[in-house]
Every structure is written in structure tokens, then in C-alpha cells.
Amino acid sequence: MTPLADRDAAVFLHQAGSSPVERAFRGVEGAWAEDDTGHRFLDFAGNTCHNIGYAHPRLIAALTAQLGTLPFTTRGFTNEPAVLLAERLCALWPYGEARVLFGLSGADAIEMAMKIAYIATGRRQSLAFIDSWHGAAFGALSAGGRASEREALPALPGCSHVTPFWPADNQSPSRAETALAELRALLATGAFAFCLAEPIRAPAHRPPDWFWPAVRAACDAAGTLLIFDEVQSGLGKTGRFFASEHFGARPDITVLGKSLGGGALPLSAVIARADLNVTAHLAIGHYTHQKNPLLSRAGLETLAIIEEEGLVARAERVGADLRRALRELCAPRGPFAALRGSGMVTVVETAPGADLPALRRAAFRNGLLAGADRGDGLVLSAPLVIGPDEIAHAVNALRRILQHA
């Protein structure tokens, strides 16, 4: 641990995944970061927050200007950046007339979406997938399917979980078929307010094309709302602005977060069908910074950069280039067994018995920060702004691992 990491460990409450840590960030730019030892590396993790790269000059300029004019709006007032951002998100949502609420985190937005569904349907039960993750708030933990994260805590009643459609395998019937059968059986009871899911399960677990249209039909028949969590997969990450666009299945509510703040500020959003505007009697998203003009400006500028720089189409094209370059590293007897991916998210699946933590450490030593997929792959979640030089650096970092294996 570095000196700053030691100080961090001494003052923060410890929790899995974020405290204690071994290093500190010292600087960021584009797809690159530097730690407090001076080690420079390509950040292909980024907590999925850096779609436009770090410290994009347009974003920094917009935030600086906003700080100099209107940095905050007290409750009971609105402001132009907040209204403009809400209008832009409603215009971008391809599923009809919409309304918006803002939060600070993906978990905030998931909680608001759940409340809307409970109130709109009058029901008190929810459906999600086993091992799904939708945030660390109490409601999100209960509705999500990762039991290990909530086992020591009280649970929201009425939360059911079915077989996940991931990982893909050669079983017959497939996991997706099993998941759909279980969903249909539960939905047929008419008890469920909503089904909550990532349309492409992070990282890059994609169901068959027929899956979400079939779930949509089952939800319609049962009067259940379909909530798509696109906190990680939205804003162009998968090669479509909304990941749901890959499947032609209309959600009732979409949740965005992470990269919406441009990799600089915390911002999330709920986009809901306009006829779900049924919560005026309750404060379901009454956050102090719910219409913060500085946060809203971050969202506005992020959306403008994604559109004007063509980053959605770029994610589809450059992500495919990255996977083509990585394919040569996969071999029957090596640690890298196969690839899967969607847009700018690529998973280098590791062979059985491979030491994934050791591979991640070796990648970092070689200048590449990668995530991990629940123990069976290196996750490369790249900014949408990378080019040939970053692809070459990432491939060479992993190639050097093979040379020393």
C-alpha cells in the first residue's frame, strides 16, 4: 500500500471493493490514468463512468462556466440546465413520450423506478434475476439477485428471483429458455409490479435476440412494468445509445447513471413513460441535488459530446477492432480462452484454473487496468474515445503476460 492508501485505510470505514485499497489516482486524461507512484496505465475499468474519457476539455470548460454563473439551485426552484437535460433525455428515449427524474447514483435511480412501479400498479412484488446487481441501497439490494450482498441485512419483502439468462452455454433447454419459463410462470400470478433487469447483463452477457421481446409480451399480459437498468450499458457503451435498442423490446422505465456525469460528477436519471406520472403526492426522488445545475450541465455536455463526436457508432466499430486484435491471444493451452463483447465492452475469458487476480496484477504492471467478471474473465470496459494507439497498448500488455506465462 502507498502512503496515501495507508491514510485512506485509517479514516474510512472499511467495505468490500473500495476500502482499504492499495493505490491512489494522481492524474487522468482521456483513457489514461496515473497512480501515486507515477505508474501510468490505460484505464479499461473506470467503473464504467468514463465513456467520453477523463477530463474531456469540452466538459471541463462547460463545468467551469456553470460554476461561474449558477452552481446550485435550492429546493422549490428549477433552472435551465436541469430542464434542458430533462428535455434532451426525453427526446433521446425512443419509446414514446416520457418524463424524467434525476438522482446522484444508479442506486438512487433504481429506487425511484421501483417506487414508480409500485405506485402505478398498486402491487408489492418484484422480479429480477439471480446474481443480478442493481445497487447498494436497501430496495435495490433486495430487488437485485446477489444474495451475498444482502444476507446480513433486513430485506424488502416480495422480491423474487429467477434463473439468469447468463452465462451462455450448450445446455438444452438453454438458460434463456429456462429463465423465460420461470418468468412467465411467476408473472401469470398477476402479483408483480415490475421486472427489473439489465438488457445486456454486465459485462457483455447478451441474451438471444428473441428473449426480451418475449419477456415484454409476458409483462404486457400480466400488467407488469419492465424496468431496464442501463446504468452500465447505456449512453452508447454497447454500440447503441440504449442497450435495449439491440432487441426491439420497449421498457416502461429506463435507468441511466455512471457515465451520464461525464466521468466527473455523480448523476443518474430515470426515464419513464409519460403516463407513469402518478407520484405527485409523494416525494419519491426528493434529493437535495435532484436538479443541481452543475450536475445537469455535466449531463448535457456529455450527451452533446457523445452525439457530436459520433461515439455510439464509434463504440460499435472500435470495439469490434479491439476484439479482432485480441483474438490472436486466445489459445487452447493458454490462460486466455475466448472472447465475448458488445460495443466497447470486451471480456477476455480465462481458462479453467487460470489465476485471474494474478492476471489482473500482471496486466496492471504492463500498463493496463482491467476489471474482472466474477472470476472467469478480464473485463475491458474502454472509453468510447479510444483509438488505434490504445488498442495496440492493450493488446501488447496482454501479449506480454503470455510471453512470461
Protein backbone atom coordinates (compact mmCIF):
# COMPACT_ATOMS: atom_id res chain seq x y z
CA MET A 1 0.00 0.00 0.00
CA THR A 2 1.18 3.52 -0.77
CA PRO A 3 1.30 6.23 1.95
CA LEU A 4 -1.93 7.85 0.78
CA ALA A 5 -3.66 4.45 0.66
CA ASP A 6 -2.49 3.84 4.25
CA ARG A 7 -4.05 7.14 5.32
CA ASP A 8 -7.24 6.22 3.46
CA ALA A 9 -7.47 2.92 5.33
CA ALA A 10 -7.06 4.73 8.65
CA VAL A 11 -10.02 7.10 8.23
CA PHE A 12 -12.61 5.40 6.03
CA LEU A 13 -14.97 2.71 7.24
CA HIS A 14 -13.88 -0.48 5.52
CA GLN A 15 -16.12 -2.10 2.93
CA ALA A 16 -15.64 -4.69 0.22
CA GLY A 17 -14.29 -3.32 -3.01
CA SER A 18 -13.41 0.23 -2.02
CA SER A 19 -11.68 0.46 1.35
CA PRO A 20 -8.92 -0.34 2.04
CA VAL A 21 -7.18 -0.02 -1.34
CA GLU A 22 -3.56 -0.28 -2.44
CA ARG A 23 -3.05 2.88 -4.53
CA ALA A 24 -4.40 6.34 -5.27
CA PHE A 25 -5.15 8.12 -8.53
CA ARG A 26 -2.94 11.16 -9.15
CA GLY A 27 -3.99 12.25 -12.63
CA VAL A 28 -6.30 11.37 -15.52
CA GLU A 29 -6.66 12.32 -19.17
CA GLY A 30 -8.68 10.61 -21.89
CA ALA A 31 -8.31 6.86 -21.45
CA TRP A 32 -5.21 7.19 -19.27
CA ALA A 33 -4.56 7.48 -15.57
CA GLU A 34 -1.55 7.74 -13.28
CA ASP A 35 -1.27 6.46 -9.73
CA ASP A 36 0.57 7.99 -6.80
CA THR A 37 3.75 6.04 -7.58
CA GLY A 38 3.95 7.62 -11.03
CA HIS A 39 2.77 4.44 -12.80
CA ARG A 40 0.83 5.40 -15.94
CA PHE A 41 -1.77 2.99 -17.26
CA LEU A 42 -4.64 2.65 -19.69
CA ASP A 43 -7.86 2.57 -17.67
CA PHE A 44 -10.12 -0.07 -19.19
CA ALA A 45 -12.21 -0.30 -15.99
CA GLY A 46 -13.19 3.21 -14.96
CA ASN A 47 -16.22 1.96 -13.04
CA THR A 48 -17.96 2.39 -16.42
CA CYS A 49 -18.02 6.14 -15.76
CA HIS A 50 -15.66 7.41 -18.47
CA ASN A 51 -17.48 6.89 -21.76
CA ILE A 52 -16.24 10.29 -23.01
CA GLY A 53 -12.83 9.75 -21.42
CA TYR A 54 -11.42 11.54 -18.41
CA ALA A 55 -11.19 15.33 -18.24
CA HIS A 56 -12.70 15.93 -21.67
CA PRO A 57 -11.80 19.58 -22.40
CA ARG A 58 -15.33 20.45 -23.50
CA LEU A 59 -16.76 19.07 -20.28
CA ILE A 60 -14.22 20.91 -18.11
CA ALA A 61 -14.95 24.17 -19.93
CA ALA A 62 -18.72 23.74 -19.56
CA LEU A 63 -18.47 22.95 -15.84
CA THR A 64 -16.13 25.88 -15.24
CA ALA A 65 -18.57 28.23 -16.96
CA GLN A 66 -21.51 26.82 -14.98
CA LEU A 67 -19.65 27.24 -11.69
CA GLY A 68 -19.20 30.90 -12.56
CA THR A 69 -22.90 31.51 -13.20
CA LEU A 70 -25.20 29.16 -11.27
CA PRO A 71 -23.64 26.34 -9.22
CA PHE A 72 -26.73 25.44 -7.15
CA THR A 73 -30.49 25.82 -7.04
CA THR A 74 -32.34 25.47 -3.76
CA ARG A 75 -35.38 23.21 -3.46
CA GLY A 76 -38.57 24.73 -4.79
CA PHE A 77 -36.83 26.27 -7.81
CA THR A 78 -35.77 24.92 -11.17
CA ASN A 79 -33.02 26.06 -13.55
CA GLU A 80 -32.31 25.98 -17.24
CA PRO A 81 -29.61 23.25 -17.31
CA ALA A 82 -31.89 20.84 -15.43
CA VAL A 83 -34.84 21.49 -17.76
CA LEU A 84 -32.64 21.25 -20.86
CA LEU A 85 -31.20 17.91 -19.72
CA ALA A 86 -34.65 16.50 -18.96
CA GLU A 87 -35.90 17.64 -22.37
CA ARG A 88 -32.89 16.10 -24.10
CA LEU A 89 -33.26 12.73 -22.39
CA CYS A 90 -36.97 12.62 -23.20
CA ALA A 91 -36.16 13.36 -26.86
CA LEU A 92 -33.48 10.66 -26.98
CA TRP A 93 -35.65 7.92 -25.44
CA PRO A 94 -37.01 6.03 -28.47
CA TYR A 95 -40.11 4.59 -26.80
CA GLY A 96 -42.61 7.45 -26.85
CA GLU A 97 -43.47 10.41 -24.67
CA ALA A 98 -41.50 10.38 -21.43
CA ARG A 99 -40.88 12.07 -18.10
CA VAL A 100 -37.61 12.23 -16.12
CA LEU A 101 -36.22 12.33 -12.58
CA PHE A 102 -32.57 12.83 -11.63
CA GLY A 103 -30.51 11.26 -8.85
CA LEU A 104 -26.87 11.07 -7.82
CA SER A 105 -26.23 7.35 -8.21
CA GLY A 106 -27.56 4.38 -10.11
CA ALA A 107 -28.98 3.06 -6.85
CA ASP A 108 -30.90 6.33 -6.36
CA ALA A 109 -32.45 5.97 -9.79
CA ILE A 110 -33.28 2.29 -9.31
CA GLU A 111 -35.06 3.15 -6.05
CA MET A 112 -37.12 5.84 -7.82
CA ALA A 113 -38.01 3.48 -10.66
CA MET A 114 -39.15 0.84 -8.17
CA LYS A 115 -41.33 3.37 -6.34
CA ILE A 116 -42.97 4.46 -9.60
CA ALA A 117 -43.76 0.83 -10.46
CA TYR A 118 -45.19 0.05 -7.03
CA ILE A 119 -47.42 3.12 -7.10
CA ALA A 120 -48.50 2.79 -10.74
CA THR A 121 -49.52 -0.87 -10.41
CA GLY A 122 -50.66 -0.97 -6.78
CA ARG A 123 -48.67 -4.20 -6.41
CA ARG A 124 -45.90 -5.01 -3.92
CA GLN A 125 -43.84 -7.78 -5.52
CA SER A 126 -40.83 -7.63 -7.85
CA LEU A 127 -38.96 -9.92 -10.23
CA ALA A 128 -35.28 -9.95 -11.11
CA PHE A 129 -32.55 -12.46 -11.92
CA ILE A 130 -30.41 -14.47 -9.53
CA ASP A 131 -26.94 -12.88 -9.21
CA SER A 132 -28.10 -9.56 -10.73
CA TRP A 133 -26.77 -6.30 -9.30
CA HIS A 134 -28.80 -3.07 -9.23
CA GLY A 135 -27.15 -1.02 -6.49
CA ALA A 136 -26.36 -0.94 -2.78
CA ALA A 137 -29.46 0.83 -1.41
CA PHE A 138 -31.83 -1.34 0.64
CA GLY A 139 -34.53 -1.61 -2.03
CA ALA A 140 -32.05 -2.18 -4.83
CA LEU A 141 -30.22 -4.85 -2.81
CA SER A 142 -33.48 -6.69 -2.14
CA ALA A 143 -34.77 -6.44 -5.70
CA GLY A 144 -31.38 -7.42 -7.08
CA GLY A 145 -30.34 -11.03 -7.11
CA ARG A 146 -26.91 -11.04 -5.48
CA ALA A 147 -27.84 -12.70 -2.19
CA SER A 148 -24.35 -12.47 -0.69
CA GLU A 149 -24.60 -8.67 -0.61
CA ARG A 150 -27.77 -8.60 1.49
CA GLU A 151 -27.57 -11.70 3.68
CA ALA A 152 -26.65 -9.74 6.84
CA LEU A 153 -29.28 -7.03 6.28
CA PRO A 154 -33.07 -6.71 6.50
CA ALA A 155 -34.81 -7.42 3.21
CA LEU A 156 -37.66 -5.76 1.36
CA PRO A 157 -40.49 -8.34 1.20
CA GLY A 158 -41.92 -9.66 -2.03
CA CYS A 159 -38.71 -9.86 -4.10
CA SER A 160 -38.45 -12.97 -6.28
CA HIS A 161 -35.53 -14.09 -8.44
CA VAL A 162 -35.34 -16.45 -11.39
CA THR A 163 -32.62 -18.30 -13.28
CA PRO A 164 -30.36 -15.82 -15.09
CA PHE A 165 -30.03 -15.90 -18.87
CA TRP A 166 -26.24 -15.79 -18.44
CA PRO A 167 -23.71 -17.24 -18.90
CA ALA A 168 -24.48 -18.73 -22.30
CA ASP A 169 -23.86 -22.46 -22.51
CA ASN A 170 -24.80 -25.53 -24.53
CA GLN A 171 -27.43 -26.87 -22.16
CA SER A 172 -30.78 -27.91 -23.55
CA PRO A 173 -33.04 -26.15 -22.80
CA SER A 174 -30.84 -23.07 -22.73
CA ARG A 175 -30.61 -20.86 -19.67
CA ALA A 176 -32.55 -18.17 -21.53
CA GLU A 177 -35.40 -20.61 -22.18
CA THR A 178 -35.38 -21.66 -18.53
CA ALA A 179 -35.37 -18.04 -17.40
CA LEU A 180 -38.29 -17.18 -19.67
CA ALA A 181 -40.34 -20.16 -18.49
CA GLU A 182 -39.80 -19.20 -14.83
CA LEU A 183 -40.64 -15.55 -15.54
CA ARG A 184 -43.85 -16.48 -17.37
CA ALA A 185 -44.98 -18.76 -14.55
CA LEU A 186 -44.47 -16.08 -11.90
CA LEU A 187 -45.86 -13.23 -13.99
CA ALA A 188 -49.02 -15.22 -14.65
CA THR A 189 -49.94 -14.85 -10.97
CA GLY A 190 -50.60 -11.14 -11.58
CA ALA A 191 -48.76 -10.20 -8.37
CA PHE A 192 -45.69 -8.41 -9.69
CA ALA A 193 -45.25 -4.66 -10.00
CA PHE A 194 -42.13 -4.86 -12.14
CA CYS A 195 -39.44 -6.98 -13.72
CA LEU A 196 -36.00 -5.39 -13.27
CA ALA A 197 -33.05 -6.32 -15.46
CA GLU A 198 -30.06 -5.18 -17.46
CA PRO A 199 -30.87 -5.75 -21.16
CA ILE A 200 -27.24 -6.81 -21.61
CA ARG A 201 -26.04 -8.15 -18.28
CA ALA A 202 -22.74 -6.53 -17.34
CA PRO A 203 -20.24 -7.37 -18.54
CA ALA A 204 -21.34 -8.31 -22.06
CA HIS A 205 -23.70 -11.20 -21.25
CA ARG A 206 -26.16 -10.87 -24.11
CA PRO A 207 -29.34 -12.98 -24.31
CA PRO A 208 -30.73 -14.38 -27.57
CA ASP A 209 -32.48 -11.77 -29.72
CA TRP A 210 -35.89 -13.31 -29.01
CA PHE A 211 -35.56 -13.12 -25.24
CA TRP A 212 -36.55 -9.54 -24.41
CA PRO A 213 -39.46 -9.32 -26.87
CA ALA A 214 -40.81 -12.49 -25.22
CA VAL A 215 -40.36 -11.00 -21.73
CA ARG A 216 -42.03 -7.80 -22.91
CA ALA A 217 -45.04 -9.78 -24.12
CA ALA A 218 -45.25 -11.67 -20.83
CA CYS A 219 -45.10 -8.42 -18.84
CA ASP A 220 -47.82 -6.89 -21.00
CA ALA A 221 -50.08 -9.89 -20.46
CA ALA A 222 -49.55 -9.67 -16.69
CA GLY A 223 -49.78 -5.89 -16.31
CA THR A 224 -46.20 -5.83 -15.01
CA LEU A 225 -43.80 -2.98 -15.79
CA LEU A 226 -40.43 -3.72 -17.41
CA ILE A 227 -37.55 -1.67 -15.94
CA PHE A 228 -34.26 -1.73 -17.81
CA ASP A 229 -31.18 -0.91 -15.75
CA GLU A 230 -28.77 0.72 -18.22
CA VAL A 231 -26.53 2.28 -15.60
CA GLN A 232 -23.56 0.39 -17.06
CA SER A 233 -24.76 -0.43 -20.57
CA GLY A 234 -26.38 2.86 -21.62
CA LEU A 235 -25.06 6.01 -23.29
CA GLY A 236 -23.52 4.20 -26.24
CA LYS A 237 -21.42 1.65 -24.36
CA THR A 238 -22.77 -1.36 -26.26
CA GLY A 239 -22.84 0.27 -29.70
CA ARG A 240 -26.39 1.60 -29.33
CA PHE A 241 -27.31 4.66 -27.29
CA PHE A 242 -29.67 2.48 -25.24
CA ALA A 243 -28.70 -1.19 -24.94
CA SER A 244 -32.39 -2.11 -25.25
CA GLU A 245 -32.25 -0.94 -28.88
CA HIS A 246 -30.38 -4.14 -29.77
CA PHE A 247 -33.54 -6.15 -29.08
CA GLY A 248 -36.54 -4.08 -30.15
CA ALA A 249 -38.12 -4.52 -26.72
CA ARG A 250 -39.70 -1.41 -25.20
CA PRO A 251 -39.12 -0.80 -21.49
CA ASP A 252 -41.60 1.13 -19.40
CA ILE A 253 -38.74 2.72 -17.46
CA THR A 254 -35.03 3.12 -18.28
CA VAL A 255 -32.41 3.90 -15.64
CA LEU A 256 -29.14 5.66 -16.54
CA GLY A 257 -26.14 6.60 -14.40
CA LYS A 258 -22.36 6.37 -14.16
CA SER A 259 -21.17 7.95 -17.46
CA LEU A 260 -24.06 10.42 -17.51
CA GLY A 261 -21.90 12.70 -15.33
CA GLY A 262 -19.05 12.63 -17.83
CA GLY A 263 -16.65 10.79 -15.55
CA ALA A 264 -16.51 13.90 -13.38
CA LEU A 265 -19.72 14.29 -11.34
CA PRO A 266 -22.32 11.91 -9.88
CA LEU A 267 -25.53 11.90 -11.91
CA SER A 268 -28.26 9.37 -12.70
CA ALA A 269 -31.66 9.53 -14.36
CA VAL A 270 -34.97 7.72 -14.55
CA ILE A 271 -36.77 7.96 -17.90
CA ALA A 272 -40.35 6.72 -17.65
CA ARG A 273 -43.40 6.56 -19.87
CA ALA A 274 -45.25 9.86 -19.54
CA ASP A 275 -48.43 8.13 -18.33
CA LEU A 276 -46.45 6.86 -15.32
CA ASN A 277 -46.53 10.41 -13.94
CA VAL A 278 -48.55 9.14 -10.95
CA THR A 279 -46.41 10.04 -7.93
CA ALA A 280 -47.19 13.75 -7.42
CA HIS A 281 -48.50 13.06 -3.91
CA LEU A 282 -45.18 11.54 -2.76
CA ALA A 283 -41.55 12.69 -2.61
CA ILE A 284 -40.07 9.66 -4.38
CA GLY A 285 -36.86 11.41 -5.51
CA HIS A 286 -36.69 14.40 -3.21
CA TYR A 287 -32.89 14.69 -3.21
CA THR A 288 -31.21 17.97 -2.28
CA HIS A 289 -29.26 17.96 -5.56
CA GLN A 290 -32.06 16.49 -7.65
CA LYS A 291 -32.00 19.43 -10.08
CA ASN A 292 -28.48 20.66 -9.45
CA PRO A 293 -27.47 22.92 -12.37
CA LEU A 294 -23.80 21.89 -12.25
CA LEU A 295 -24.65 18.18 -12.40
CA SER A 296 -27.19 18.87 -15.12
CA ARG A 297 -24.60 20.75 -17.15
CA ALA A 298 -22.32 17.72 -16.88
CA GLY A 299 -25.09 15.54 -18.30
CA LEU A 300 -25.91 17.99 -21.08
CA GLU A 301 -22.31 18.32 -22.21
CA THR A 302 -21.77 14.56 -22.01
CA LEU A 303 -24.76 13.93 -24.28
CA ALA A 304 -23.56 16.62 -26.70
CA ILE A 305 -20.06 15.09 -26.87
CA ILE A 306 -21.44 11.60 -27.47
CA GLU A 307 -23.64 12.88 -30.29
CA GLU A 308 -21.30 15.37 -31.96
CA GLU A 309 -18.24 13.09 -31.84
CA GLY A 310 -20.22 10.09 -33.12
CA LEU A 311 -19.23 7.99 -30.13
CA VAL A 312 -22.09 5.48 -30.34
CA ALA A 313 -21.16 4.33 -33.83
CA ARG A 314 -17.51 4.52 -32.81
CA ALA A 315 -18.13 2.15 -29.90
CA GLU A 316 -19.54 -0.45 -32.28
CA ARG A 317 -16.68 -0.10 -34.76
CA VAL A 318 -13.69 0.32 -32.44
CA GLY A 319 -14.92 -2.34 -30.02
CA ALA A 320 -15.00 -4.82 -32.90
CA ASP A 321 -11.47 -3.73 -33.86
CA LEU A 322 -10.28 -4.40 -30.32
CA ARG A 323 -11.77 -7.88 -30.29
CA ARG A 324 -10.22 -8.72 -33.67
CA ALA A 325 -6.83 -7.66 -32.34
CA LEU A 326 -7.26 -9.68 -29.15
CA ARG A 327 -8.38 -12.86 -30.88
CA GLU A 328 -4.80 -13.86 -31.66
CA LEU A 329 -4.07 -14.11 -27.92
CA CYS A 330 -6.67 -16.82 -27.29
CA ALA A 331 -5.18 -20.30 -27.49
CA PRO A 332 -6.20 -23.79 -26.33
CA ARG A 333 -3.41 -24.13 -23.75
CA GLY A 334 -3.06 -20.51 -22.67
CA PRO A 335 -4.73 -18.52 -19.89
CA PHE A 336 -6.94 -16.64 -22.37
CA ALA A 337 -9.59 -18.99 -23.70
CA ALA A 338 -12.21 -16.94 -25.58
CA LEU A 339 -13.72 -13.51 -26.13
CA ARG A 340 -17.17 -12.03 -25.85
CA GLY A 341 -18.24 -8.47 -26.18
CA SER A 342 -20.71 -5.81 -27.15
CA GLY A 343 -19.64 -2.39 -28.33
CA MET A 344 -16.83 -1.09 -26.15
CA VAL A 345 -17.11 -3.85 -23.53
CA THR A 346 -14.92 -6.91 -24.09
CA VAL A 347 -14.39 -9.87 -21.78
CA VAL A 348 -11.26 -11.97 -22.22
CA GLU A 349 -12.50 -15.24 -20.78
CA THR A 350 -9.87 -17.15 -18.85
CA ALA A 351 -9.20 -20.86 -19.00
CA PRO A 352 -10.23 -23.12 -16.08
CA GLY A 353 -7.61 -22.93 -13.37
CA ALA A 354 -6.18 -19.61 -14.52
CA ASP A 355 -5.28 -17.24 -11.69
CA LEU A 356 -7.47 -14.26 -12.57
CA PRO A 357 -6.22 -11.94 -9.78
CA ALA A 358 -2.63 -12.64 -10.84
CA LEU A 359 -3.52 -11.91 -14.48
CA ARG A 360 -5.09 -8.60 -13.47
CA ARG A 361 -2.00 -7.66 -11.46
CA ALA A 362 0.25 -8.57 -14.39
CA ALA A 363 -1.91 -6.52 -16.78
CA PHE A 364 -1.63 -3.53 -14.45
CA ARG A 365 2.15 -3.86 -14.24
CA ASN A 366 2.15 -3.75 -18.04
CA GLY A 367 0.07 -0.58 -18.10
CA LEU A 368 -3.50 -1.88 -18.42
CA LEU A 369 -6.16 -1.65 -15.71
CA ALA A 370 -8.82 -4.31 -16.31
CA GLY A 371 -11.84 -5.41 -14.31
CA ALA A 372 -12.88 -8.97 -13.54
CA ASP A 373 -16.04 -10.88 -14.41
CA ARG A 374 -16.98 -12.80 -11.27
CA GLY A 375 -13.85 -14.92 -11.52
CA ASP A 376 -13.83 -16.06 -15.16
CA GLY A 377 -12.52 -13.21 -17.29
CA LEU A 378 -10.68 -9.93 -17.66
CA VAL A 379 -13.17 -7.13 -18.35
CA LEU A 380 -12.04 -4.40 -20.72
CA SER A 381 -14.59 -1.59 -20.43
CA ALA A 382 -12.95 1.04 -22.59
CA PRO A 383 -13.88 4.69 -23.06
CA LEU A 384 -15.69 5.36 -26.32
CA VAL A 385 -12.90 7.73 -27.37
CA ILE A 386 -10.05 5.21 -27.71
CA GLY A 387 -8.23 4.74 -31.00
CA PRO A 388 -5.57 2.52 -32.62
CA ASP A 389 -2.82 3.51 -30.17
CA GLU A 390 -4.87 2.46 -27.14
CA ILE A 391 -5.88 -0.79 -28.84
CA ALA A 392 -2.24 -1.58 -29.56
CA HIS A 393 -1.25 -0.78 -25.97
CA ALA A 394 -3.95 -3.04 -24.52
CA VAL A 395 -3.10 -5.93 -26.83
CA ASN A 396 0.61 -5.60 -26.16
CA ALA A 397 0.03 -5.55 -22.41
CA LEU A 398 -1.83 -8.85 -22.58
CA ARG A 399 0.67 -10.29 -25.06
CA ARG A 400 3.48 -9.62 -22.59
CA ILE A 401 1.56 -11.61 -20.00
CA LEU A 402 1.53 -14.59 -22.34
CA GLN A 403 5.24 -14.22 -23.06
CA HIS A 404 6.01 -14.51 -19.35
CA ALA A 405 3.44 -17.19 -18.56
